Amino acid sequence: MIKSVVFGAIVSAVIAVVIGSQGTSAGPLAIQLVSLGDVRMFWSWPLFLSGTGLFFALSLLQR
């Protein structure tokens, strides 16, 4: 499960940066600008949960 969360976060961050930097929220993906101190980044919880679920399913298939 931990590997799935890491890969889900990576996929979510990459896709959110690409779509969010274009100035759109991508509708159901709900990409938002998040400020953590001096760092600004784009993030999407639905995309993170979908990516985590996808990688968890793929890791179950490899057993």
N, C-alpha and C. Protein backbone atom coordinates (compact mmCIF):
# COMPACT_ATOMS: atom_id res chain seq x y z
N MET A 1 0.82 -1.19 0.00
CA MET A 1 0.00 0.00 0.00
C MET A 1 0.86 1.26 0.00
N ILE A 2 2.00 1.22 0.69
CA ILE A 2 2.86 2.40 0.75
C ILE A 2 3.42 2.74 -0.63
N LYS A 3 3.80 1.71 -1.38
CA LYS A 3 4.29 1.96 -2.74
C LYS A 3 3.20 2.58 -3.60
N SER A 4 1.98 2.17 -3.41
CA SER A 4 0.87 2.70 -4.19
C SER A 4 0.64 4.18 -3.88
N VAL A 5 0.76 4.57 -2.62
CA VAL A 5 0.57 5.96 -2.23
C VAL A 5 1.66 6.84 -2.83
N VAL A 6 2.89 6.35 -2.83
CA VAL A 6 4.01 7.12 -3.40
C VAL A 6 3.81 7.33 -4.90
N PHE A 7 3.49 6.26 -5.62
CA PHE A 7 3.28 6.40 -7.06
C PHE A 7 2.02 7.21 -7.37
N GLY A 8 0.99 7.08 -6.55
CA GLY A 8 -0.21 7.89 -6.73
C GLY A 8 0.07 9.37 -6.55
N ALA A 9 0.92 9.71 -5.57
CA ALA A 9 1.28 11.11 -5.34
C ALA A 9 2.12 11.65 -6.49
N ILE A 10 3.02 10.85 -7.01
CA ILE A 10 3.86 11.29 -8.13
C ILE A 10 3.01 11.54 -9.37
N VAL A 11 2.13 10.60 -9.69
CA VAL A 11 1.27 10.76 -10.87
C VAL A 11 0.34 11.96 -10.70
N SER A 12 -0.22 12.12 -9.51
CA SER A 12 -1.11 13.24 -9.25
C SER A 12 -0.39 14.58 -9.39
N ALA A 13 0.80 14.68 -8.84
CA ALA A 13 1.55 15.93 -8.92
C ALA A 13 1.93 16.26 -10.36
N VAL A 14 2.37 15.28 -11.11
CA VAL A 14 2.79 15.53 -12.50
C VAL A 14 1.60 15.98 -13.35
N ILE A 15 0.49 15.26 -13.26
CA ILE A 15 -0.68 15.62 -14.07
C ILE A 15 -1.27 16.95 -13.61
N ALA A 16 -1.33 17.20 -12.30
CA ALA A 16 -1.87 18.45 -11.80
C ALA A 16 -1.02 19.65 -12.21
N VAL A 17 0.30 19.49 -12.24
CA VAL A 17 1.17 20.59 -12.67
C VAL A 17 0.96 20.88 -14.15
N VAL A 18 0.86 19.84 -14.95
CA VAL A 18 0.68 20.05 -16.39
C VAL A 18 -0.65 20.72 -16.69
N ILE A 19 -1.73 20.23 -16.09
CA ILE A 19 -3.06 20.79 -16.36
C ILE A 19 -3.25 22.11 -15.62
N GLY A 20 -2.82 22.20 -14.37
CA GLY A 20 -3.01 23.41 -13.57
C GLY A 20 -2.22 24.59 -14.08
N SER A 21 -1.06 24.37 -14.65
CA SER A 21 -0.25 25.49 -15.15
C SER A 21 -0.88 26.12 -16.39
N GLN A 22 -1.83 25.43 -17.01
CA GLN A 22 -2.54 25.98 -18.16
C GLN A 22 -3.69 26.88 -17.73
N GLY A 23 -3.99 26.93 -16.42
CA GLY A 23 -5.01 27.82 -15.90
C GLY A 23 -6.39 27.21 -15.82
N THR A 24 -6.50 25.90 -15.84
CA THR A 24 -7.80 25.25 -15.75
C THR A 24 -7.86 24.32 -14.55
N SER A 25 -9.07 24.05 -14.06
CA SER A 25 -9.22 23.12 -12.94
C SER A 25 -9.57 21.72 -13.44
N ALA A 26 -9.75 21.55 -14.74
CA ALA A 26 -10.03 20.27 -15.39
C ALA A 26 -11.31 19.63 -14.90
N GLY A 27 -12.29 20.43 -14.52
CA GLY A 27 -13.62 19.93 -14.16
C GLY A 27 -13.60 18.97 -12.98
N PRO A 28 -13.93 17.69 -13.21
CA PRO A 28 -14.05 16.74 -12.10
C PRO A 28 -12.72 16.41 -11.41
N LEU A 29 -11.60 16.75 -12.02
CA LEU A 29 -10.32 16.49 -11.36
C LEU A 29 -10.07 17.46 -10.22
N ALA A 30 -10.74 18.61 -10.21
CA ALA A 30 -10.67 19.59 -9.12
C ALA A 30 -9.24 19.96 -8.76
N ILE A 31 -8.46 20.35 -9.75
CA ILE A 31 -7.07 20.75 -9.51
C ILE A 31 -7.05 22.15 -8.90
N GLN A 32 -6.36 22.28 -7.77
CA GLN A 32 -6.31 23.55 -7.05
C GLN A 32 -4.87 23.93 -6.76
N LEU A 33 -4.66 25.24 -6.63
CA LEU A 33 -3.34 25.75 -6.27
C LEU A 33 -3.20 25.70 -4.75
N VAL A 34 -2.14 25.05 -4.28
CA VAL A 34 -1.88 24.89 -2.84
C VAL A 34 -0.59 25.62 -2.50
N SER A 35 -0.63 26.44 -1.45
CA SER A 35 0.56 27.15 -1.00
C SER A 35 1.05 26.53 0.30
N LEU A 36 2.30 26.05 0.28
CA LEU A 36 2.93 25.50 1.48
C LEU A 36 4.14 26.38 1.80
N GLY A 37 3.91 27.39 2.62
CA GLY A 37 4.98 28.33 2.92
C GLY A 37 5.26 29.18 1.70
N ASP A 38 6.48 29.12 1.19
CA ASP A 38 6.86 29.87 0.01
C ASP A 38 6.68 29.07 -1.28
N VAL A 39 6.29 27.81 -1.15
CA VAL A 39 6.17 26.93 -2.31
C VAL A 39 4.71 26.87 -2.75
N ARG A 40 4.49 27.06 -4.05
CA ARG A 40 3.15 26.92 -4.62
C ARG A 40 3.15 25.72 -5.55
N MET A 41 2.13 24.89 -5.43
CA MET A 41 2.03 23.71 -6.29
C MET A 41 0.57 23.42 -6.56
N PHE A 42 0.31 22.66 -7.59
CA PHE A 42 -1.03 22.25 -7.93
C PHE A 42 -1.27 20.84 -7.38
N TRP A 43 -2.52 20.58 -6.92
CA TRP A 43 -2.83 19.29 -6.32
C TRP A 43 -4.28 18.93 -6.60
N SER A 44 -4.56 17.64 -6.66
CA SER A 44 -5.91 17.15 -6.89
C SER A 44 -6.12 15.89 -6.07
N TRP A 45 -7.05 15.95 -5.10
CA TRP A 45 -7.34 14.77 -4.30
C TRP A 45 -8.01 13.66 -5.10
N PRO A 46 -8.98 13.98 -5.98
CA PRO A 46 -9.56 12.88 -6.76
C PRO A 46 -8.53 12.17 -7.65
N LEU A 47 -7.61 12.93 -8.20
CA LEU A 47 -6.56 12.34 -9.03
C LEU A 47 -5.61 11.50 -8.18
N PHE A 48 -5.29 11.95 -6.97
CA PHE A 48 -4.43 11.20 -6.07
C PHE A 48 -5.07 9.87 -5.68
N LEU A 49 -6.35 9.90 -5.31
CA LEU A 49 -7.03 8.67 -4.91
C LEU A 49 -7.18 7.70 -6.08
N SER A 50 -7.44 8.23 -7.26
CA SER A 50 -7.55 7.37 -8.45
C SER A 50 -6.20 6.73 -8.79
N GLY A 51 -5.14 7.52 -8.74
CA GLY A 51 -3.80 7.00 -9.02
C GLY A 51 -3.36 5.97 -8.01
N THR A 52 -3.66 6.21 -6.73
CA THR A 52 -3.31 5.26 -5.69
C THR A 52 -4.07 3.94 -5.89
N GLY A 53 -5.35 4.04 -6.21
CA GLY A 53 -6.15 2.84 -6.46
C GLY A 53 -5.65 2.06 -7.66
N LEU A 54 -5.27 2.78 -8.71
CA LEU A 54 -4.74 2.14 -9.91
C LEU A 54 -3.45 1.38 -9.61
N PHE A 55 -2.52 2.03 -8.92
CA PHE A 55 -1.25 1.37 -8.62
C PHE A 55 -1.42 0.25 -7.59
N PHE A 56 -2.40 0.38 -6.69
CA PHE A 56 -2.67 -0.71 -5.75
C PHE A 56 -3.21 -1.93 -6.49
N ALA A 57 -4.10 -1.70 -7.45
CA ALA A 57 -4.63 -2.81 -8.25
C ALA A 57 -3.53 -3.46 -9.08
N LEU A 58 -2.65 -2.66 -9.65
CA LEU A 58 -1.54 -3.21 -10.43
C LEU A 58 -0.59 -4.02 -9.56
N SER A 59 -0.36 -3.57 -8.32
CA SER A 59 0.53 -4.34 -7.44
C SER A 59 -0.12 -5.65 -7.00
N LEU A 60 -1.45 -5.68 -6.89
CA LEU A 60 -2.13 -6.93 -6.56
C LEU A 60 -2.06 -7.91 -7.72
N LEU A 61 -2.08 -7.39 -8.94
CA LEU A 61 -2.00 -8.27 -10.12
C LEU A 61 -0.62 -8.89 -10.27
N GLN A 62 0.41 -8.28 -9.72
CA GLN A 62 1.77 -8.80 -9.88
C GLN A 62 2.08 -9.93 -8.91
N ARG A 63 1.22 -10.20 -7.97
CA ARG A 63 1.46 -11.27 -7.00
C ARG A 63 1.23 -12.62 -7.59
